[in-house]
Amino acid sequence: MDLKTIRYEVTDGIAVVTLSRPHRRNAWTGRMHMEYRHALERAEADKAVRVIVVTGDPEGKAFCAGADMAALEGHSEKGKYDPGTDDTISMPGYGVAPEFDATFAYHFGLSKPVIAAINGAAAGVGLVLAAYADMRFAVPGIKFTAAHGRYNFPAEFGLSWILPRIMGLTHANDVLMTSRVFTSDEAMEMGFLNKLLPPEQLLNHALNLARTMAETCSPGSLRVTKHQIYRDLHRDAASSVEEAERLLNEMIKEPDYKEGVKAFTQKRKAEWKG
């Protein structure tokens, strides 16, 4: 696919996906969604990629300003919601668990962690995209909003499910029932963000964390742990323990278990097979 609205780069095992419509503050379109999912599919298929980092084109002065206003006007004219995608859209993360087989929930089915480096405003779909990342870092003073209330929309793309699980019901109700603007400083206090960083440190921090994860955790452990976390949101504690025991018995037979033990005893970096 010819990438026109995002950039995709791989360095040192880290795939960086940059939302890039700077003239429209990196606003989301159907084309961008098609390209974004294509990029995730490429990252999933590439064994050299261990972690995915998502950020916004800094020239756009936003992470993602939400749906492009032209698209919103188009919905109004058509009298129905049009996602702007077609049947050729990539399906990364699908097929792992039924609970993940939906728009944006597919992030939970990915085998690789996703880190959001939020370098500017995140509104509407931009907030959704950040919420479905596994970790979120941002710069101080930027603005977030769900935005849906002002357009007579419902809470979009599962925000009503995921935000209470990230920031708690009290904060989620505040954010979703008011559609108000809140800052990254508030988001940090709410538990939505992992850390606030100066703009010049944000992307490097995300990349350094990604490299650390790739070095210290085997690909199999990252994949299985990620799926455990999000599957366990749908099951009881006993089922979680039983599944962990089953996985332990399977994974202890894999080459990366022996490699991890050797690397630890020999005080060296592990050479993961994946």
Protein backbone atom coordinates (compact mmCIF):
# COMPACT_ATOMS: atom_id res chain seq x y z
CA MET A 1 0.00 0.00 0.00
CA ASP A 2 1.21 3.49 -0.89
CA LEU A 3 1.44 5.40 2.40
CA LYS A 4 0.13 8.95 2.07
CA THR A 5 -1.18 9.75 5.57
CA ILE A 6 1.29 7.93 7.82
CA ARG A 7 5.01 7.16 7.91
CA TYR A 8 6.38 3.73 8.75
CA GLU A 9 9.99 3.19 9.80
CA VAL A 10 11.81 0.29 11.46
CA THR A 11 15.04 0.83 13.39
CA ASP A 12 16.70 -1.52 15.89
CA GLY A 13 13.64 -3.75 16.01
CA ILE A 14 11.25 -0.90 16.76
CA ALA A 15 8.51 0.04 14.27
CA VAL A 16 7.57 3.72 14.46
CA VAL A 17 4.17 4.62 13.00
CA THR A 18 3.74 8.38 12.57
CA LEU A 19 0.30 9.85 11.87
CA SER A 20 1.15 12.42 9.21
CA ARG A 21 -1.44 14.85 7.93
CA PRO A 22 0.23 17.96 9.36
CA HIS A 23 -1.89 20.38 7.33
CA ARG A 24 -4.96 18.93 9.16
CA ARG A 25 -3.38 18.44 12.59
CA ASN A 26 -2.98 14.72 11.83
CA ALA A 27 -6.76 14.33 11.71
CA TRP A 28 -8.12 10.82 11.18
CA THR A 29 -9.64 9.70 7.90
CA GLY A 30 -10.70 6.40 6.38
CA ARG A 31 -7.51 6.45 4.33
CA MET A 32 -5.43 6.91 7.48
CA HIS A 33 -7.22 3.99 9.15
CA MET A 34 -6.52 1.78 6.12
CA GLU A 35 -2.84 2.75 6.16
CA TYR A 36 -2.55 2.46 9.94
CA ARG A 37 -3.87 -1.09 9.94
CA HIS A 38 -1.64 -1.94 6.99
CA ALA A 39 1.37 -0.68 9.00
CA LEU A 40 0.39 -2.76 12.02
CA GLU A 41 0.03 -5.82 9.80
CA ARG A 42 3.54 -5.20 8.41
CA ALA A 43 4.93 -4.90 11.92
CA GLU A 44 3.18 -8.08 13.02
CA ALA A 45 4.57 -10.04 10.08
CA ASP A 46 8.13 -8.75 10.55
CA LYS A 47 10.01 -10.96 13.02
CA ALA A 48 12.63 -8.26 13.39
CA VAL A 49 10.03 -5.90 14.88
CA ARG A 50 9.61 -6.37 18.60
CA VAL A 51 7.72 -3.24 19.72
CA ILE A 52 5.53 -0.64 17.96
CA VAL A 53 5.61 3.09 18.77
CA VAL A 54 2.82 5.37 17.54
CA THR A 55 3.19 9.15 17.46
CA GLY A 56 2.02 12.22 15.55
CA ASP A 57 3.88 14.26 12.97
CA PRO A 58 5.28 17.15 15.04
CA GLU A 59 4.56 19.60 12.23
CA GLY A 60 0.87 18.87 12.74
CA LYS A 61 1.12 20.20 16.30
CA ALA A 62 -1.13 17.35 17.46
CA PHE A 63 -1.01 13.62 18.09
CA CYS A 64 -4.34 13.27 16.29
CA ALA A 65 -7.00 15.98 16.31
CA GLY A 66 -9.79 13.43 15.84
CA ALA A 67 -11.90 12.77 12.76
CA ASP A 68 -11.34 15.18 9.91
CA MET A 69 -14.13 17.77 9.83
CA ALA A 70 -14.75 17.04 6.15
CA ALA A 71 -15.59 13.46 7.14
CA LEU A 72 -17.93 14.66 9.88
CA GLU A 73 -19.71 16.89 7.38
CA GLY A 74 -19.95 13.93 5.01
CA HIS A 75 -21.69 11.84 7.67
CA SER A 76 -24.23 14.61 8.10
CA GLU A 77 -24.89 14.90 4.37
CA LYS A 78 -25.24 11.14 3.90
CA GLY A 79 -27.39 10.70 6.98
CA LYS A 80 -25.28 7.74 8.12
CA TYR A 81 -21.85 6.90 9.45
CA ASP A 82 -19.28 6.12 6.74
CA PRO A 83 -15.92 4.83 8.06
CA GLY A 84 -14.24 5.56 4.73
CA THR A 85 -12.68 2.09 4.55
CA ASP A 86 -13.32 -0.83 2.21
CA ASP A 87 -13.11 -4.62 2.16
CA THR A 88 -9.37 -4.58 1.46
CA ILE A 89 -8.59 -3.21 4.92
CA SER A 90 -5.93 -5.17 6.81
CA MET A 91 -6.99 -7.20 9.85
CA PRO A 92 -4.06 -7.17 12.29
CA GLY A 93 -4.84 -8.65 15.70
CA TYR A 94 -7.98 -10.42 14.52
CA GLY A 95 -8.50 -14.13 15.17
CA VAL A 96 -6.76 -14.27 18.56
CA ALA A 97 -9.90 -13.95 20.69
CA PRO A 98 -13.49 -12.98 19.81
CA GLU A 99 -13.30 -10.17 22.38
CA PHE A 100 -10.60 -8.46 20.31
CA ASP A 101 -12.24 -8.77 16.89
CA ALA A 102 -13.54 -5.22 16.46
CA THR A 103 -12.32 -1.81 15.36
CA PHE A 104 -9.47 -0.61 17.62
CA ALA A 105 -10.01 -3.57 19.98
CA TYR A 106 -7.81 -5.40 17.48
CA HIS A 107 -4.84 -3.78 19.25
CA PHE A 108 -5.31 -6.32 22.04
CA GLY A 109 -4.81 -9.17 19.59
CA LEU A 110 -1.45 -7.88 18.36
CA SER A 111 1.53 -9.97 19.42
CA LYS A 112 3.71 -6.92 20.02
CA PRO A 113 3.36 -4.09 22.57
CA VAL A 114 2.19 -0.70 21.34
CA ILE A 115 3.54 2.47 22.97
CA ALA A 116 1.84 5.81 22.31
CA ALA A 117 4.13 8.85 22.30
CA ILE A 118 1.48 11.56 22.52
CA ASN A 119 3.17 14.72 21.36
CA GLY A 120 0.11 16.93 20.98
CA ALA A 121 -3.67 17.12 21.29
CA ALA A 122 -5.64 13.87 21.14
CA ALA A 123 -9.34 14.34 20.46
CA GLY A 124 -12.06 11.86 19.58
CA VAL A 125 -10.43 9.06 17.60
CA GLY A 126 -7.06 10.40 18.76
CA LEU A 127 -8.07 9.69 22.35
CA VAL A 128 -9.34 6.26 21.28
CA LEU A 129 -6.03 5.44 19.62
CA ALA A 130 -4.10 6.45 22.73
CA ALA A 131 -6.41 4.44 24.97
CA TYR A 132 -5.83 1.21 23.05
CA ALA A 133 -2.04 1.51 23.31
CA ASP A 134 -0.43 -0.63 26.00
CA MET A 135 1.53 2.29 27.43
CA ARG A 136 1.03 6.03 27.06
CA PHE A 137 3.54 8.86 27.41
CA ALA A 138 2.77 12.51 26.75
CA VAL A 139 4.09 16.04 27.02
CA PRO A 140 2.72 18.43 29.65
CA GLY A 141 -0.10 20.84 28.90
CA ILE A 142 -1.61 19.17 25.83
CA LYS A 143 -5.35 18.70 25.48
CA PHE A 144 -7.50 15.56 25.44
CA THR A 145 -11.22 15.21 24.81
CA ALA A 146 -13.65 12.45 23.89
CA ALA A 147 -15.59 15.11 21.93
CA HIS A 148 -18.54 12.83 21.06
CA GLY A 149 -21.15 14.68 23.14
CA ARG A 150 -21.01 17.84 21.05
CA TYR A 151 -21.89 15.85 17.89
CA ASN A 152 -24.76 13.78 19.34
CA PHE A 153 -22.56 10.67 19.12
CA PRO A 154 -22.25 7.80 21.60
CA ALA A 155 -18.96 7.21 23.40
CA GLU A 156 -16.92 5.96 20.46
CA PHE A 157 -15.13 2.70 19.71
CA GLY A 158 -15.35 1.16 23.17
CA LEU A 159 -14.19 4.16 25.20
CA SER A 160 -17.02 3.37 27.61
CA TRP A 161 -15.38 -0.03 28.19
CA ILE A 162 -11.70 0.84 28.21
CA LEU A 163 -11.53 4.19 30.03
CA PRO A 164 -13.13 2.90 33.27
CA ARG A 165 -10.55 0.10 33.25
CA ILE A 166 -7.65 2.53 32.79
CA MET A 167 -8.61 5.52 34.92
CA GLY A 168 -11.48 4.18 37.03
CA LEU A 169 -15.21 4.78 36.78
CA THR A 170 -15.23 8.18 38.50
CA HIS A 171 -12.75 9.75 36.09
CA ALA A 172 -14.20 7.96 33.07
CA ASN A 173 -17.67 9.27 33.85
CA ASP A 174 -16.26 12.78 34.13
CA VAL A 175 -14.47 12.53 30.77
CA LEU A 176 -17.25 10.76 28.87
CA MET A 177 -20.38 12.38 30.29
CA THR A 178 -19.08 15.92 29.82
CA SER A 179 -16.96 15.56 26.65
CA ARG A 180 -14.89 18.27 28.27
CA VAL A 181 -11.32 19.15 27.44
CA PHE A 182 -8.82 17.92 30.00
CA THR A 183 -5.07 18.32 30.01
CA SER A 184 -2.30 15.76 30.00
CA ASP A 185 -1.45 16.91 33.52
CA GLU A 186 -4.98 15.89 34.61
CA ALA A 187 -4.69 12.70 32.60
CA MET A 188 -1.54 11.84 34.54
CA GLU A 189 -3.36 12.33 37.84
CA MET A 190 -6.25 10.18 36.57
CA GLY A 191 -3.90 7.29 35.79
CA PHE A 192 -4.37 7.50 32.01
CA LEU A 193 -0.68 8.17 31.35
CA ASN A 194 2.48 6.37 32.39
CA LYS A 195 4.59 9.53 32.47
CA LEU A 196 4.86 13.15 31.36
CA LEU A 197 8.03 14.19 29.57
CA PRO A 198 9.42 17.37 27.96
CA PRO A 199 8.76 17.45 24.18
CA GLU A 200 12.42 16.94 23.32
CA GLN A 201 12.56 13.76 25.45
CA LEU A 202 9.23 12.14 24.59
CA LEU A 203 10.00 10.05 21.53
CA ASN A 204 13.45 9.04 22.74
CA HIS A 205 11.97 7.88 26.03
CA ALA A 206 9.42 5.73 24.20
CA LEU A 207 12.10 4.29 21.92
CA ASN A 208 14.46 3.55 24.81
CA LEU A 209 11.69 1.79 26.70
CA ALA A 210 10.87 -0.22 23.58
CA ARG A 211 14.51 -1.27 23.22
CA THR A 212 14.64 -2.29 26.88
CA MET A 213 11.54 -4.42 26.47
CA ALA A 214 12.99 -6.07 23.36
CA GLU A 215 16.25 -6.86 25.15
CA THR A 216 14.93 -8.06 28.51
CA CYS A 217 11.76 -9.91 27.47
CA SER A 218 11.54 -12.75 24.98
CA PRO A 219 9.15 -12.28 22.04
CA GLY A 220 7.06 -15.20 23.29
CA SER A 221 6.78 -13.76 26.77
CA LEU A 222 5.74 -10.34 25.47
CA ARG A 223 3.14 -11.88 23.17
CA VAL A 224 1.64 -14.21 25.76
CA THR A 225 1.71 -11.66 28.59
CA LYS A 226 -0.07 -9.04 26.47
CA HIS A 227 -2.81 -11.50 25.55
CA GLN A 228 -3.12 -12.66 29.18
CA ILE A 229 -3.62 -9.08 30.40
CA TYR A 230 -6.49 -8.32 28.03
CA ARG A 231 -8.10 -11.76 28.13
CA ASP A 232 -8.05 -11.68 31.91
CA LEU A 233 -10.23 -8.57 31.85
CA HIS A 234 -12.98 -10.94 30.67
CA ARG A 235 -12.50 -13.81 33.14
CA ASP A 236 -12.22 -14.65 36.84
CA ALA A 237 -9.07 -14.95 38.94
CA ALA A 238 -9.10 -18.75 39.09
CA SER A 239 -9.34 -19.05 35.32
CA SER A 240 -6.42 -16.63 35.01
CA VAL A 241 -4.26 -18.73 37.34
CA GLU A 242 -5.15 -21.96 35.56
CA GLU A 243 -4.31 -20.44 32.17
CA ALA A 244 -0.99 -19.14 33.51
CA GLU A 245 -0.11 -22.63 34.76
CA ARG A 246 -0.99 -24.15 31.39
CA LEU A 247 1.12 -21.60 29.56
CA LEU A 248 4.04 -22.13 31.94
CA ASN A 249 4.08 -25.85 31.16
CA GLU A 250 4.08 -25.08 27.44
CA MET A 251 6.64 -22.27 27.42
CA ILE A 252 9.21 -24.02 29.65
CA LYS A 253 9.76 -26.45 26.76
CA GLU A 254 10.68 -23.67 24.33
CA PRO A 255 14.30 -22.75 23.40
CA ASP A 256 13.95 -19.20 24.74
CA TYR A 257 13.45 -20.57 28.27
CA LYS A 258 16.87 -22.26 28.17
CA GLU A 259 18.39 -19.18 26.54
CA GLY A 260 16.96 -16.92 29.25
CA VAL A 261 18.43 -19.08 32.02
CA LYS A 262 21.83 -19.22 30.31
CA ALA A 263 21.91 -15.48 29.69
CA PHE A 264 21.08 -14.78 33.33
CA THR A 265 23.71 -17.15 34.75
CA GLN A 266 26.34 -15.98 32.25
CA LYS A 267 25.48 -12.31 32.86
CA ARG A 268 24.94 -11.47 29.18
CA LYS A 269 22.13 -10.32 26.92
CA ALA A 270 19.83 -13.05 25.73
CA GLU A 271 19.77 -13.99 22.06
CA TRP A 272 16.08 -14.65 21.61
CA LYS A 273 14.86 -16.98 18.89
CA GLY A 274 11.24 -15.83 19.00
